[in-house]
Every structure is written in structure tokens, then in C-alpha cells.
Protein backbone atom coordinates (compact mmCIF):
# COMPACT_ATOMS: atom_id res chain seq x y z
CA MET A 1 0.07 0.08 0.08
CA ILE A 2 1.16 3.54 -0.89
CA HIS A 3 1.31 5.83 2.07
CA LYS A 4 1.09 9.42 2.06
CA LYS A 5 0.88 12.48 4.24
CA ILE A 6 -2.68 13.36 5.53
CA GLU A 7 -4.17 16.38 6.70
CA ARG A 8 -4.90 16.64 10.51
CA HIS A 9 -8.70 17.35 9.54
CA PHE A 10 -11.56 15.22 11.04
CA ALA A 11 -13.22 14.68 7.65
CA THR A 12 -9.98 13.72 5.89
CA VAL A 13 -8.95 11.30 8.60
CA TRP A 14 -12.32 9.68 8.93
CA GLU A 15 -12.44 9.28 5.04
CA TYR A 16 -9.33 7.39 5.20
CA VAL A 17 -10.59 5.29 7.98
CA ALA A 18 -13.79 4.52 6.15
CA ASP A 19 -11.82 3.15 3.38
CA LYS A 20 -9.71 1.04 5.79
CA GLN A 21 -12.85 -0.31 7.78
CA ASN A 22 -15.12 -0.49 4.92
CA ASP A 23 -17.87 -3.01 5.97
CA LYS A 24 -17.03 -3.02 9.63
CA THR A 25 -19.79 -1.36 11.75
CA ALA A 26 -19.38 2.23 12.50
CA ILE A 27 -22.55 3.09 14.39
CA ILE A 28 -25.38 1.41 16.09
CA CYS A 29 -28.55 3.24 17.05
CA ASN A 30 -31.40 1.04 18.25
CA ASP A 31 -32.16 -1.09 15.20
CA ALA A 32 -30.08 0.78 12.84
CA LYS A 33 -26.56 -0.33 12.03
CA ILE A 34 -24.32 1.21 9.46
CA SER A 35 -20.96 0.30 8.20
CA TRP A 36 -18.12 2.74 7.89
CA LYS A 37 -18.63 2.60 4.07
CA GLU A 38 -22.26 3.46 4.47
CA TYR A 39 -21.47 6.28 7.12
CA ASP A 40 -19.06 7.91 4.63
CA ASP A 41 -21.42 7.44 1.82
CA ARG A 42 -24.47 8.80 3.27
CA SER A 43 -22.55 11.72 4.88
CA ALA A 44 -20.93 12.61 1.49
CA ARG A 45 -24.54 12.56 -0.11
CA LEU A 46 -25.68 14.85 2.55
CA ALA A 47 -22.74 17.30 2.01
CA ASN A 48 -23.55 17.28 -1.63
CA PHE A 49 -27.14 18.32 -0.96
CA LEU A 50 -25.79 21.18 1.30
CA LYS A 51 -23.30 22.34 -1.32
CA HIS A 52 -26.14 22.40 -3.97
CA ASN A 53 -28.08 24.69 -1.57
CA GLY A 54 -25.54 27.18 -1.34
CA VAL A 55 -23.64 26.13 1.83
CA ASN A 56 -20.04 27.38 1.62
CA LYS A 57 -16.81 26.90 3.62
CA ASN A 58 -17.06 28.17 7.22
CA THR A 59 -20.90 28.11 7.31
CA LYS A 60 -22.22 27.54 10.74
CA ILE A 61 -24.48 24.57 10.86
CA GLY A 62 -26.76 23.91 13.99
CA LEU A 63 -27.17 20.38 15.24
CA TYR A 64 -30.47 20.46 17.35
CA LEU A 65 -30.58 16.64 17.61
CA HIS A 66 -30.60 13.78 20.00
CA ASN A 67 -27.99 11.14 20.29
CA ASN A 68 -28.58 9.45 16.97
CA LEU A 69 -27.19 8.42 13.52
CA GLU A 70 -28.30 11.63 11.92
CA TYR A 71 -26.25 13.61 14.47
CA LEU A 72 -22.97 12.02 13.53
CA GLU A 73 -23.78 12.01 9.78
CA ALA A 74 -24.87 15.72 9.77
CA GLN A 75 -21.53 16.64 11.70
CA TYR A 76 -19.41 14.47 9.33
CA ALA A 77 -21.10 16.15 6.19
CA THR A 78 -20.48 19.51 7.90
CA PHE A 79 -16.72 18.66 8.22
CA LYS A 80 -16.34 17.34 4.67
CA LEU A 81 -17.45 20.86 3.49
CA GLU A 82 -15.22 22.62 5.81
CA CYS A 83 -18.07 24.07 7.58
CA VAL A 84 -18.48 24.43 11.30
CA PRO A 85 -20.91 22.28 13.30
CA ILE A 86 -22.80 24.02 16.26
CA ASN A 87 -24.01 21.88 19.18
CA VAL A 88 -27.53 22.98 20.13
CA ASN A 89 -28.91 22.09 23.58
CA TYR A 90 -32.15 20.37 23.05
CA ARG A 91 -33.36 21.59 26.48
CA TYR A 92 -33.33 25.12 25.57
CA LYS A 93 -36.41 27.16 25.22
CA ALA A 94 -37.19 29.65 22.50
CA ALA A 95 -35.30 32.64 23.74
CA GLU A 96 -32.12 30.48 24.47
CA LEU A 97 -32.47 28.83 20.98
CA ILE A 98 -32.65 32.36 19.39
CA TYR A 99 -29.75 33.73 21.46
CA LEU A 100 -27.47 30.93 20.53
CA LEU A 101 -28.35 30.38 16.69
CA ASP A 102 -28.03 34.14 16.21
CA ASN A 103 -24.79 34.43 18.17
CA CYS A 104 -23.10 31.55 16.20
CA ASP A 105 -24.30 32.97 12.84
CA ALA A 106 -26.04 29.74 11.89
CA GLU A 107 -27.24 29.45 8.29
CA VAL A 108 -28.47 25.92 8.53
CA VAL A 109 -30.23 23.81 11.24
CA PHE A 110 -30.99 20.13 11.62
CA PHE A 111 -33.56 19.53 14.03
CA GLN A 112 -35.48 16.65 15.64
CA SER A 113 -39.10 16.43 14.56
CA THR A 114 -39.88 16.44 18.43
CA TYR A 115 -38.91 20.22 18.18
CA LYS A 116 -41.28 21.28 15.51
CA ASP A 117 -43.29 23.69 17.72
CA GLU A 118 -40.12 25.21 18.90
CA ILE A 119 -38.93 25.80 15.31
CA SER A 120 -42.29 27.42 14.74
CA GLN A 121 -41.78 29.81 17.49
CA ILE A 122 -38.17 30.92 16.59
CA ILE A 123 -38.17 30.84 12.72
CA ASN A 124 -39.32 34.47 12.08
CA ASP A 125 -36.58 35.71 14.63
CA LEU A 126 -33.75 33.96 12.59
CA PRO A 127 -33.91 35.36 9.13
CA ASN A 128 -30.33 34.41 8.30
CA ILE A 129 -31.07 30.54 8.61
CA LYS A 130 -31.81 29.47 4.97
CA LEU A 131 -32.17 25.85 5.44
CA TRP A 132 -34.11 23.86 8.11
CA ILE A 133 -33.67 20.05 7.73
CA GLN A 134 -35.99 17.88 9.87
CA VAL A 135 -34.95 14.42 11.29
CA ASN A 136 -38.10 12.52 11.41
CA GLU A 137 -39.29 10.12 14.00
CA ASN A 138 -42.67 8.24 14.25
CA ASP A 139 -43.58 9.26 10.75
CA THR A 140 -44.09 13.04 11.93
CA GLU A 141 -45.33 15.48 9.38
CA ILE A 142 -42.62 17.61 7.90
CA HIS A 143 -42.53 21.25 9.09
CA GLU A 144 -43.81 23.48 6.30
CA ASN A 145 -40.47 25.31 6.31
CA ALA A 146 -38.35 22.26 6.41
CA ILE A 147 -36.67 19.62 4.23
CA ASP A 148 -36.84 15.94 5.14
CA TYR A 149 -33.52 14.55 6.12
CA ASN A 150 -33.92 11.33 4.28
CA ALA A 151 -34.82 13.05 1.11
CA CYS A 152 -31.51 15.02 1.38
CA ILE A 153 -29.45 11.77 1.22
CA GLN A 154 -31.60 9.88 -1.24
CA ASP A 155 -31.76 12.67 -3.86
CA PHE A 156 -27.92 13.37 -4.18
CA ASN A 157 -24.78 11.39 -5.19
CA PRO A 158 -21.81 11.51 -2.75
CA ILE A 159 -19.67 14.67 -2.97
CA ALA A 160 -16.13 14.28 -4.28
CA ARG A 161 -13.29 14.16 -1.73
CA LYS A 162 -10.94 17.06 -1.70
CA ASN A 163 -8.02 18.46 -0.01
CA ARG A 164 -8.90 20.50 3.24
CA ASP A 165 -7.14 23.21 5.45
CA GLU A 166 -6.35 21.52 8.69
CA ARG A 167 -6.67 24.91 10.30
CA ASN A 168 -10.31 25.05 9.78
CA LEU A 169 -12.32 26.18 12.65
CA TYR A 170 -14.03 23.77 15.06
CA MET A 171 -16.35 25.24 17.62
CA ILE A 172 -18.28 23.95 20.63
CA TYR A 173 -20.71 26.06 22.60
CA THR A 174 -20.37 25.91 26.46
CA GLY A 175 -23.28 24.87 28.54
CA GLY A 176 -23.85 28.29 29.84
CA THR A 177 -23.16 27.35 33.43
CA THR A 178 -21.37 30.73 34.10
CA GLY A 179 -23.44 33.01 31.92
CA MET A 180 -24.66 32.87 28.41
CA PRO A 181 -23.29 30.16 26.12
CA LYS A 182 -20.17 30.93 24.36
CA GLY A 183 -18.43 29.34 21.21
CA VAL A 184 -15.11 27.99 22.02
CA MET A 185 -12.96 28.10 18.95
CA TYR A 186 -10.17 25.57 18.08
CA GLU A 187 -8.37 24.58 14.89
CA HIS A 188 -9.03 21.03 13.56
CA CYS A 189 -5.32 20.10 13.67
CA ASP A 190 -4.86 21.18 17.42
CA PHE A 191 -8.06 19.57 18.52
CA MET A 192 -7.12 16.28 16.64
CA GLN A 193 -3.74 16.35 18.35
CA ALA A 194 -5.74 16.69 21.72
CA ILE A 195 -7.76 13.61 21.04
CA PHE A 196 -4.78 11.45 19.92
CA GLY A 197 -3.30 12.63 23.28
CA VAL A 198 -6.07 11.00 25.10
CA LEU A 199 -5.63 7.81 23.27
CA LYS A 200 -1.91 7.95 23.93
CA GLY A 201 -2.73 8.11 27.70
CA LEU A 202 -4.75 4.98 27.24
CA ASP A 203 -1.83 3.08 25.98
CA PHE A 204 -2.52 3.35 22.34
CA GLU A 205 0.35 3.76 19.72
CA VAL A 206 -0.90 6.84 18.10
CA PRO A 207 0.43 9.00 15.29
CA ASP A 208 2.64 12.08 16.04
CA THR A 209 0.20 14.65 15.10
CA ARG A 210 2.32 17.87 15.94
CA GLU A 211 2.45 18.04 12.13
CA THR A 212 1.06 16.51 9.16
CA PHE A 213 1.54 12.76 9.64
CA ASP A 214 1.93 9.67 7.51
CA THR A 215 -0.91 7.33 6.84
CA ALA A 216 1.23 4.42 7.96
CA GLU A 217 0.98 5.59 11.44
CA LEU A 218 -2.89 5.61 11.27
CA ASP A 219 -2.74 2.15 9.65
CA HIS A 220 -0.85 1.11 12.54
CA LEU A 221 -3.35 2.37 15.07
CA ILE A 222 -6.38 0.89 13.09
CA GLU A 223 -4.91 -2.61 12.48
CA ALA A 224 -3.85 -2.79 16.15
CA THR A 225 -7.17 -1.99 17.38
CA ASN A 226 -9.11 -4.25 14.91
CA ASN A 227 -7.96 -7.25 17.08
CA ASN A 228 -10.05 -5.89 19.92
CA ARG A 229 -12.08 -3.14 18.34
CA VAL A 230 -13.11 -0.06 20.39
CA LYS A 231 -16.76 -0.20 20.85
CA THR A 232 -18.03 2.75 22.60
CA LEU A 233 -21.43 3.32 24.15
CA VAL A 234 -21.92 7.08 24.69
CA ALA A 235 -24.50 7.40 27.49
CA CYS A 236 -24.27 11.14 27.72
CA PRO A 237 -25.30 13.63 25.10
CA PHE A 238 -23.45 14.31 21.85
CA MET A 239 -24.27 17.97 22.29
CA HIS A 240 -21.67 18.34 24.99
CA GLY A 241 -18.01 17.78 24.91
CA THR A 242 -17.76 14.76 26.89
CA GLY A 243 -20.07 12.65 24.70
CA MET A 244 -18.80 13.97 21.46
CA TRP A 245 -15.00 14.14 22.08
CA LEU A 246 -14.42 11.04 24.20
CA GLY A 247 -17.29 9.06 22.74
CA ALA A 248 -17.52 9.70 19.02
CA PHE A 249 -14.16 11.41 18.07
CA LEU A 250 -11.90 9.26 20.14
CA THR A 251 -13.68 6.10 18.71
CA HIS A 252 -13.72 7.18 15.30
CA LEU A 253 -9.97 7.84 15.13
CA THR A 254 -9.51 4.08 16.00
CA GLY A 255 -11.90 2.97 13.38
CA GLY A 256 -14.22 1.71 16.14
CA LEU A 257 -17.85 1.48 16.63
CA VAL A 258 -20.15 4.17 18.44
CA LEU A 259 -23.34 3.05 19.96
CA ALA A 260 -25.95 5.80 20.58
CA ILE A 261 -29.11 5.64 22.54
CA PRO A 262 -31.53 8.14 21.19
CA GLU A 263 -34.20 8.21 23.69
CA LEU A 264 -34.12 11.11 26.29
CA GLY A 265 -33.60 10.27 29.93
CA PHE A 266 -30.90 8.16 31.44
CA ASP A 267 -32.03 4.56 31.81
CA PRO A 268 -29.31 2.40 33.41
CA LYS A 269 -31.10 -0.99 32.39
CA LYS A 270 -30.97 0.24 28.78
CA VAL A 271 -27.31 1.18 28.93
CA LEU A 272 -26.12 -1.96 30.58
CA LYS A 273 -28.27 -4.26 28.48
CA ALA A 274 -26.98 -2.53 25.21
CA ALA A 275 -23.36 -2.93 26.68
CA GLN A 276 -23.95 -6.62 27.24
CA ASP A 277 -25.81 -7.43 24.02
CA ASN A 278 -22.97 -5.45 21.89
CA ASP A 279 -19.86 -6.34 23.57
CA ILE A 280 -19.10 -2.77 24.39
CA THR A 281 -15.62 -2.08 25.52
CA ASN A 282 -16.05 1.67 26.60
CA ILE A 283 -18.74 3.49 28.20
CA VAL A 284 -18.73 7.27 28.44
CA ILE A 285 -20.61 9.04 31.29
CA VAL A 286 -20.46 12.23 33.20
CA GLY A 287 -19.84 11.58 36.95
CA ASP A 288 -22.08 10.34 39.60
CA ALA A 289 -25.25 11.32 37.89
CA PHE A 290 -24.64 8.59 35.49
CA ALA A 291 -22.40 6.35 37.55
CA LYS A 292 -24.65 6.07 40.67
CA PRO A 293 -27.71 4.55 38.76
CA ILE A 294 -25.47 2.25 36.90
CA ALA A 295 -23.91 0.99 40.16
CA ASN A 296 -27.31 0.62 41.72
CA GLU A 297 -28.79 -1.34 38.74
CA LEU A 298 -25.60 -3.68 38.75
CA ASP A 299 -26.15 -4.27 42.62
CA PHE A 300 -30.02 -4.95 41.73
CA ALA A 301 -29.32 -7.31 38.99
CA LYS A 302 -26.66 -9.35 41.01
CA GLU A 303 -29.00 -9.64 44.17
CA ASN A 304 -31.75 -10.93 41.86
CA GLY A 305 -29.64 -13.55 40.44
CA VAL A 306 -29.38 -12.08 36.76
CA PRO A 307 -26.04 -10.30 36.78
CA TYR A 308 -25.06 -8.49 33.59
CA LYS A 309 -22.37 -10.00 31.51
CA LEU A 310 -19.96 -7.27 30.72
CA ASP A 311 -16.87 -9.50 29.88
CA LYS A 312 -15.63 -7.11 27.12
CA LEU A 313 -16.01 -3.90 29.02
CA ASN A 314 -12.62 -2.54 30.12
CA LEU A 315 -13.17 1.22 30.18
CA LEU A 316 -15.36 3.65 31.82
CA ILE A 317 -14.61 7.20 30.88
CA SER A 318 -16.19 10.37 32.74
CA SER A 319 -15.56 14.02 32.35
CA GLY A 320 -16.97 17.36 33.38
CA VAL A 321 -18.15 16.95 36.95
CA ILE A 322 -17.04 15.28 40.16
CA PHE A 323 -16.95 11.46 40.17
CA SER A 324 -16.79 10.26 43.86
CA SER A 325 -14.31 7.53 44.88
CA GLU A 326 -17.30 5.85 46.65
CA THR A 327 -19.13 5.45 43.46
CA LYS A 328 -16.17 4.21 41.50
CA GLU A 329 -15.64 1.53 44.23
CA ALA A 330 -19.29 0.51 43.74
CA LEU A 331 -18.64 -0.10 40.10
CA LEU A 332 -15.38 -1.90 40.54
CA LYS A 333 -17.18 -4.36 42.62
CA HIS A 334 -18.83 -5.67 39.79
CA CYS A 335 -16.48 -4.93 36.75
CA ASP A 336 -12.74 -5.34 36.61
CA ILE A 337 -12.20 -2.26 34.45
CA ARG A 338 -10.10 0.86 34.42
CA ILE A 339 -11.98 4.16 35.12
CA LEU A 340 -10.66 7.27 33.50
CA ASP A 341 -11.82 10.42 35.23
CA LEU A 342 -10.87 13.59 33.27
CA MET A 343 -10.89 16.95 34.56
CA GLY A 344 -11.56 19.80 32.13
CA SER A 345 -13.93 22.02 30.50
CA SER A 346 -14.88 23.17 26.83
CA GLU A 347 -11.77 25.44 27.25
CA GLY A 348 -9.26 22.82 27.94
CA GLY A 349 -8.14 19.63 29.53
CA MET A 350 -6.48 20.09 33.04
CA GLY A 351 -5.78 16.52 34.51
CA SER A 352 -6.86 13.04 35.01
CA SER A 353 -7.04 10.06 37.48
CA VAL A 354 -7.26 6.41 36.72
CA SER A 355 -8.88 4.00 39.20
CA SER A 356 -8.99 0.25 39.17
CA ARG A 357 -9.16 -2.67 41.63
CA SER A 358 -5.65 -2.30 42.16
CA GLU A 359 -5.28 1.44 42.01
CA SER A 360 -7.70 3.54 44.07
CA ILE A 361 -7.80 7.32 44.12
CA LYS A 362 -9.55 10.10 46.21
CA THR A 363 -12.49 12.09 45.11
CA ALA A 364 -11.54 15.08 42.97
CA LYS A 365 -7.78 14.25 43.15
CA PHE A 366 -5.98 14.31 39.78
CA LYS A 367 -2.52 14.23 38.11
CA LEU A 368 -2.00 17.35 36.24
CA ASN A 369 -1.58 17.33 32.53
CA PRO A 370 1.70 18.65 31.03
CA ASP A 371 1.79 22.41 30.80
CA VAL A 372 -0.94 22.79 33.46
CA ILE A 373 -0.27 25.31 36.17
CA VAL A 374 -2.15 26.60 39.27
CA VAL A 375 -1.81 30.26 40.02
CA SER A 376 -2.80 32.08 43.23
CA ASP A 377 -4.95 35.13 43.27
CA ASN A 378 -1.89 37.28 43.80
CA GLY A 379 -0.31 35.96 40.57
CA GLU A 380 2.16 33.54 41.83
CA LEU A 381 2.48 29.74 41.17
CA VAL A 382 1.04 28.02 44.09
CA GLU A 383 3.63 25.76 45.96
CA PRO A 384 2.86 22.00 46.37
CA GLY A 385 1.65 21.27 49.88
CA SER A 386 1.21 25.01 50.77
CA GLY A 387 -2.33 24.79 51.18
CA GLU A 388 -2.93 27.84 49.07
CA ARG A 389 -5.73 27.81 46.73
CA GLY A 390 -5.16 28.79 43.04
CA MET A 391 -6.85 28.98 39.66
CA ILE A 392 -5.99 26.28 37.18
CA GLY A 393 -4.43 27.34 33.87
CA THR A 394 -4.03 24.88 30.82
CA GLY A 395 -1.20 25.63 28.41
CA GLY A 396 -1.40 22.69 26.06
CA LEU A 397 -4.47 23.01 23.93
CA VAL A 398 -5.44 26.47 24.23
CA PRO A 399 -8.57 27.71 22.32
CA LEU A 400 -8.32 30.58 19.76
CA GLY A 401 -10.90 32.31 21.82
CA TYR A 402 -14.55 32.78 22.36
CA TYR A 403 -16.55 33.48 19.13
CA LYS A 404 -17.38 37.19 18.76
CA ASP A 405 -16.31 37.83 22.44
CA PRO A 406 -12.96 39.57 22.56
CA GLU A 407 -13.41 40.83 26.17
CA LYS A 408 -14.33 37.62 27.67
CA SER A 409 -11.44 35.98 25.39
CA ALA A 410 -9.01 38.35 26.83
CA LYS A 411 -9.88 37.50 30.48
CA THR A 412 -9.92 33.79 30.02
CA PHE A 413 -7.21 33.19 27.45
CA LYS A 414 -4.16 35.20 28.52
CA GLU A 415 -0.17 35.02 29.05
CA PHE A 416 1.44 33.80 32.34
CA GLN A 417 5.19 34.23 32.39
CA GLY A 418 5.47 34.53 28.53
CA LYS A 419 3.11 31.57 27.68
CA ARG A 420 -0.48 31.61 26.65
CA TYR A 421 -2.85 29.72 29.03
CA SER A 422 -6.53 29.03 29.37
CA PHE A 423 -8.13 30.06 32.70
CA PRO A 424 -11.67 28.77 32.75
CA GLY A 425 -12.20 29.64 36.42
CA ASP A 426 -11.69 26.37 38.18
CA TYR A 427 -9.76 26.35 41.61
CA ALA A 428 -7.59 23.78 43.18
CA LEU A 429 -5.14 22.88 45.87
CA VAL A 430 -1.74 21.54 44.96
CA GLU A 431 -0.80 18.51 47.00
CA GLU A 432 2.70 17.79 48.17
CA ASP A 433 3.15 14.96 45.50
CA GLY A 434 2.17 17.54 42.72
CA SER A 435 -1.25 16.14 42.19
CA ILE A 436 -4.20 18.61 42.59
CA THR A 437 -7.39 18.57 44.43
CA LEU A 438 -10.24 20.26 42.60
CA LEU A 439 -12.18 22.78 44.52
CA GLY A 440 -14.61 24.02 42.04
CA ARG A 441 -15.62 26.87 39.68
CA GLY A 442 -14.68 30.32 41.31
CA SER A 443 -17.92 31.78 39.94
CA ASN A 444 -19.96 29.40 42.20
CA CYS A 445 -17.87 30.14 45.17
CA ILE A 446 -19.78 31.13 48.46
CA ASN A 447 -18.30 33.92 50.44
CA SER A 448 -19.52 33.43 54.07
CA ALA A 449 -18.09 35.93 56.80
CA GLY A 450 -14.96 36.28 54.49
CA GLU A 451 -14.36 32.74 54.03
CA LYS A 452 -14.31 31.13 50.58
CA ILE A 453 -16.43 27.86 50.43
CA TYR A 454 -16.56 25.74 47.27
CA PRO A 455 -19.96 23.98 46.66
CA GLU A 456 -18.49 20.90 45.16
CA GLU A 457 -16.46 20.22 48.53
CA VAL A 458 -19.57 20.52 50.59
CA GLU A 459 -21.57 18.43 48.16
CA GLU A 460 -19.12 15.57 48.30
CA ALA A 461 -19.09 15.78 52.02
CA ILE A 462 -22.74 15.49 52.18
CA LYS A 463 -23.01 12.76 49.64
CA LYS A 464 -20.71 10.52 51.84
CA ASN A 465 -23.79 9.84 54.01
CA ASN A 466 -25.26 6.58 52.72
CA ALA A 467 -28.69 8.01 52.89
CA ILE A 468 -28.17 10.89 50.31
CA TYR A 469 -28.55 10.20 46.60
CA ASP A 470 -27.74 13.56 45.28
CA CYS A 471 -26.99 17.09 46.51
CA LEU A 472 -26.27 20.78 45.32
CA VAL A 473 -24.93 23.49 47.43
CA VAL A 474 -25.45 27.25 46.97
CA GLY A 475 -25.07 30.42 48.76
CA VAL A 476 -28.05 32.51 49.78
CA ASP A 477 -27.63 36.15 51.10
CA ASP A 478 -27.40 36.53 54.64
CA GLU A 479 -27.36 39.75 56.85
CA ARG A 480 -24.91 38.45 59.30
CA PHE A 481 -22.50 36.41 57.14
CA GLY A 482 -22.88 38.00 53.77
CA GLN A 483 -23.88 34.63 52.37
CA LYS A 484 -24.89 31.22 54.13
CA VAL A 485 -24.56 27.68 52.71
CA VAL A 486 -27.79 26.02 51.81
CA ALA A 487 -27.85 22.25 50.62
CA ILE A 488 -30.52 20.95 48.33
CA ALA A 489 -30.47 17.10 48.73
CA SER A 490 -32.45 13.94 47.61
CA VAL A 491 -32.57 10.75 49.56
CA ASN A 492 -31.89 7.12 48.46
CA GLU A 493 -35.22 5.14 48.13
CA ASN A 494 -36.28 3.39 51.32
CA GLN A 495 -33.97 5.57 53.50
CA SER A 496 -34.60 8.62 55.64
CA ILE A 497 -32.60 11.29 57.46
CA ASP A 498 -33.35 14.64 58.92
CA GLU A 499 -31.57 17.86 58.70
CA ALA A 500 -29.76 17.89 62.10
CA GLU A 501 -28.49 14.35 61.51
CA LEU A 502 -27.25 15.08 58.24
CA ILE A 503 -25.49 18.31 59.20
CA ASN A 504 -23.94 16.52 62.25
CA ASP A 505 -22.70 13.65 60.08
CA THR A 506 -21.21 16.01 57.38
CA ARG A 507 -19.26 17.67 60.41
CA GLU A 508 -16.84 14.73 60.26
CA HIS A 509 -15.61 15.53 56.80
CA ILE A 510 -15.43 19.34 56.50
CA SER A 511 -14.80 22.37 58.70
CA GLY A 512 -17.58 23.75 60.66
CA TYR A 513 -17.79 27.11 58.68
CA LYS A 514 -18.45 25.10 55.59
CA LEU A 515 -21.58 23.18 56.91
CA PRO A 516 -24.85 23.99 55.42
CA LYS A 517 -27.04 26.30 57.76
CA LYS A 518 -30.14 24.67 56.01
CA VAL A 519 -30.86 21.45 54.11
CA ILE A 520 -33.90 21.36 51.91
CA PHE A 521 -34.97 17.95 50.95
CA VAL A 522 -36.37 17.30 47.40
CA ALA A 523 -37.65 14.29 45.52
CA ASN A 524 -35.02 14.89 42.72
CA VAL A 525 -31.87 17.22 42.25
CA GLU A 526 -32.25 18.66 38.95
CA ARG A 527 -29.27 18.29 36.60
CA ALA A 528 -28.54 19.03 32.92
CA PRO A 529 -28.65 15.85 30.61
CA ASN A 530 -24.98 15.80 30.71
CA GLY A 531 -25.06 15.46 34.45
CA LYS A 532 -23.80 19.00 35.22
CA ALA A 533 -25.32 20.81 38.21
CA ASN A 534 -28.16 23.01 37.63
CA TYR A 535 -27.12 25.73 40.28
CA LYS A 536 -29.86 28.15 38.75
CA TRP A 537 -32.51 25.82 39.74
CA ALA A 538 -30.89 25.01 43.24
CA LYS A 539 -30.57 28.82 43.93
CA GLU A 540 -34.24 29.33 43.18
CA ILE A 541 -35.28 26.43 45.52
CA ALA A 542 -33.01 27.97 48.17
CA GLN A 543 -34.24 31.43 47.89
CA ALA A 544 -38.02 30.39 47.81
CA ASN A 545 -37.42 28.56 51.16
CA GLU A 546 -36.14 31.91 52.53
CA VAL A 547 -39.43 33.57 52.22
């Protein structure tokens, strides 16, 4: 075989992978199963449709979709045209959708038929969007202003392949946890290097992607993994970085298989059955919000004499929120696997921890990635073991900036000692061994009587109580202290605990000034589909209880 240099562009690399893998399965979504050859062909037809309808390089294309085959095809087609896919949160209401699609300058939107009514509400406010493409389900009637997704594929031949600029823009919108959503901008070549870096950390032999690389290196990776193909079940949404980057991107680069579950709502039974039935090797989740229900279902199945058979499962990947050591241990009782817990955000990766039956690790404790620093509020590097808090800066993969927001870009992406870093706002302690303990996002920090209290630290202390299922902590205005700590907690089924007992138990794990002054018990603690905390909701609950 003749080898050649290949551009570090996702569409170009996936085309090469598709030729290598051909009839091997690329994606499973419920009853649908398509090969790499079909994946490439369908995406190329869709790209041709878009081109014939005036879509040019750098066009922004919204993906208002669930975890399904069409999401991945539409994204691949977008990459083929050197356009920019935009992740759209399917939980957004009309005003939020209008803001996002206007802010990103979208000209095309793929949408799930479930959201026809939302499209009707926003369409007149978004005159720059020239194509609305409906992904149908349950034979829903096509929106009067939309085109049927399947017709786009059926009516066009595959677009011809071409050379691409590996510095094409790739962008992901943040979840808006610290203000309005922002588009974080990367170049394809840099972002691909970061994904290969994760694979390298998992002991894969990967190409050296610091520059355009030889296809022989990619051949080696694909052929090595074909003996034990990477088969990834993505349990969290594609619309957020964890699901897309660690689920789809990572798996695609190995020529592996992605299993998507399109139904909304996390169902641990469905996840575990799909993993069992499809010999899944990797599962991608987001912290305790996903891991706890999985651990509970594994317990239940074993207690009832029908344990899941997960012989092929060897890796569980989580990122984005705290993943407690207690929950990791509960999973490891059932599965002899590695648990990769990555600390990072849309603005960059910071650190990682690996747990297994032979190697345990504390909650929120991570080994720093290369080129990651912790800087105190007075602008000095935090010394290991000093007990001083500092903000984490990542100096490896640093975004170009936030789309159309130079002011926020200047505050987040800045130089320190002559090198450019990303400072998303996460605080940490540096331990004596050089590892860090994550404290949380500074914007969520509670200031009580002059003391800084990080909600995540209090939440983890509260969740050490066996009666507690989930918990969020917020600060509420207080005449005496400025702010006081309030916890919103849900209790495990068939268990009970009162406020005084919980506060007293938590006292064993954190300092007294960090203890909640009030605990509000609710049936369910509300989180986003990706498992991230909904602090806005928690604050509203806490404030309502102050009246």
C-alpha cells in the first residue's frame, strides 16, 4: 500500500478510516446499524445536498438533535464541506435557541421532529437561517419550512473528496453554566492532536500529530485495534464535549464502533443491556449522575440472580463533573475495569485520574496534564503542599478564543510568564506530590463571613452519607455572614434522614464554617442531561425557602 501525508482534519482522517474499515460497523442506534462505508457514503450525499443549496466553507450549521445516527452524519457532512457544526442544547427554550443560533451566525439547522413547535416559535426571529432540515421520527409530518433529512440523502450522489485546510475552525458552545453560552474556537489540527493525546494516555500507539502525519501511522493504530475493536457506548449527550469528544471522536479515530441511545432520559437498564448485547468495551458518562444509577442497577441485578455479563467492558470514561471515589468503588465491585476520570472543560483539559481494583484514588484528586499550572490570586505559582488555593491554567491545547467575544476571551485566554494559557475559572489545591484536589468553579464560590467555600467540596462531604442520593449546594444572602450555605438534597429510596442528623454527620468531613446552615430535601435534584449541576434551579429552591 502507498502511504502519504494526511491532513489533520477530522473529515479527511475519517474518510481514510472509512476506506480501511469498509464493511465494519461504524454506528449502532437502536435497530439501525451502518458500516463505515455507509457512514461515509450517506454523509457525502448529505454534504452534496448542502453544497447544492448554497452552503459554503465556514458556514455555521446547527445540530439540534438527540444522540442518533443523523447527528453524527450531519456533523461528518459539515466537516466534509469545511463548515462548522454547532452543538444546540435540546433543552433550550425559544429565547435561548434564538440567542445561540443568532450568536453563532447559523445558516443551516438540523432539528429533531420532536421540536417542530419550537422551530415555529423561533423561525421568524432567525432570518439568516436559509435551510431547516427535519430528522423525522414516528412518521411525523414535515414542518412547512423544512426539508426531510432522508430526502436530502436519497436525492444526491456522494460529493467528491478534496484536500482541506487543517486549520479549519472547530467550535463547541459551552453549557452556559457561568453566563450565556459561548462558542469556544479551536483549529482542527490542534483539536485532533488533543484527542490522539487521550488515546496515547490510554496506551494506544498513536500518530505524532504535531504536524501533518503519514497514513502508515494511522494504519498501525487501526490494525492494532481491529484485533480488539473499540466499541463505545455514549451514555451522555453528543451535544456536550464529553459525549462527542471522548465518545465519538476518540472512537472514530481508531476505526471503532459508536453505539448511540437516542431516547431522552438516562436509563441504566437500557445502557447495561446494550453494553452486554453489543460487547461494548468503553462506556462514556458524566460523573455520579450517571455512575450511581449504573452501580445501583448492577447491585439490583446481582441480588436478583441475573447479573449483567460485561466481559468485554474494560474502560469507563467520565469528564465534566466530580466522580466520587465511593461510586467508583461500587462499580469496581462488579467490573474489573479501568475508570478514567478526566478534569476539564470546553476551554481545555487539566488533569486525569485512573482507578482500578488495584489502584484507588480520592475524590476530586487528579494528576496534572503537562503544561498545566495553578496560579494564586496574587499572581504567583502555588507551591505544592502550601495549602494555598489557586486557579488552574491549561497551556497545552489553548482555544483561539470565544466566538465574537474579545473581552471575555482576553480575560480567559491570557499569558502567564510569557506563555499563553486558558483560565476557565476552576480552583484547586496543589498537594505535596504535585497532584491537585479540585475545589470547583470560582464563579460558584460562596463567600461566608470572609471565608471562601466551594460548593463541590460541601456536596461531596454531604454525599458521603449513605442516605443521600444527590446534592447541590448554593449560597444565599445572609445579613450576618453575607452569604450562608444551603444544601438541596435527595434521599435514597427506602432511607430517611433529617436535617440535624445530616449536618452533624457532615461535620466529620469538613470544617464547621463550611457546613450548610439549612438542608432542603427534594424528590429529585435537577441536573442537565450531561449530568452537570443546575445551580440556577438550586438557587431558586433555596431562595424560595427563605421567604
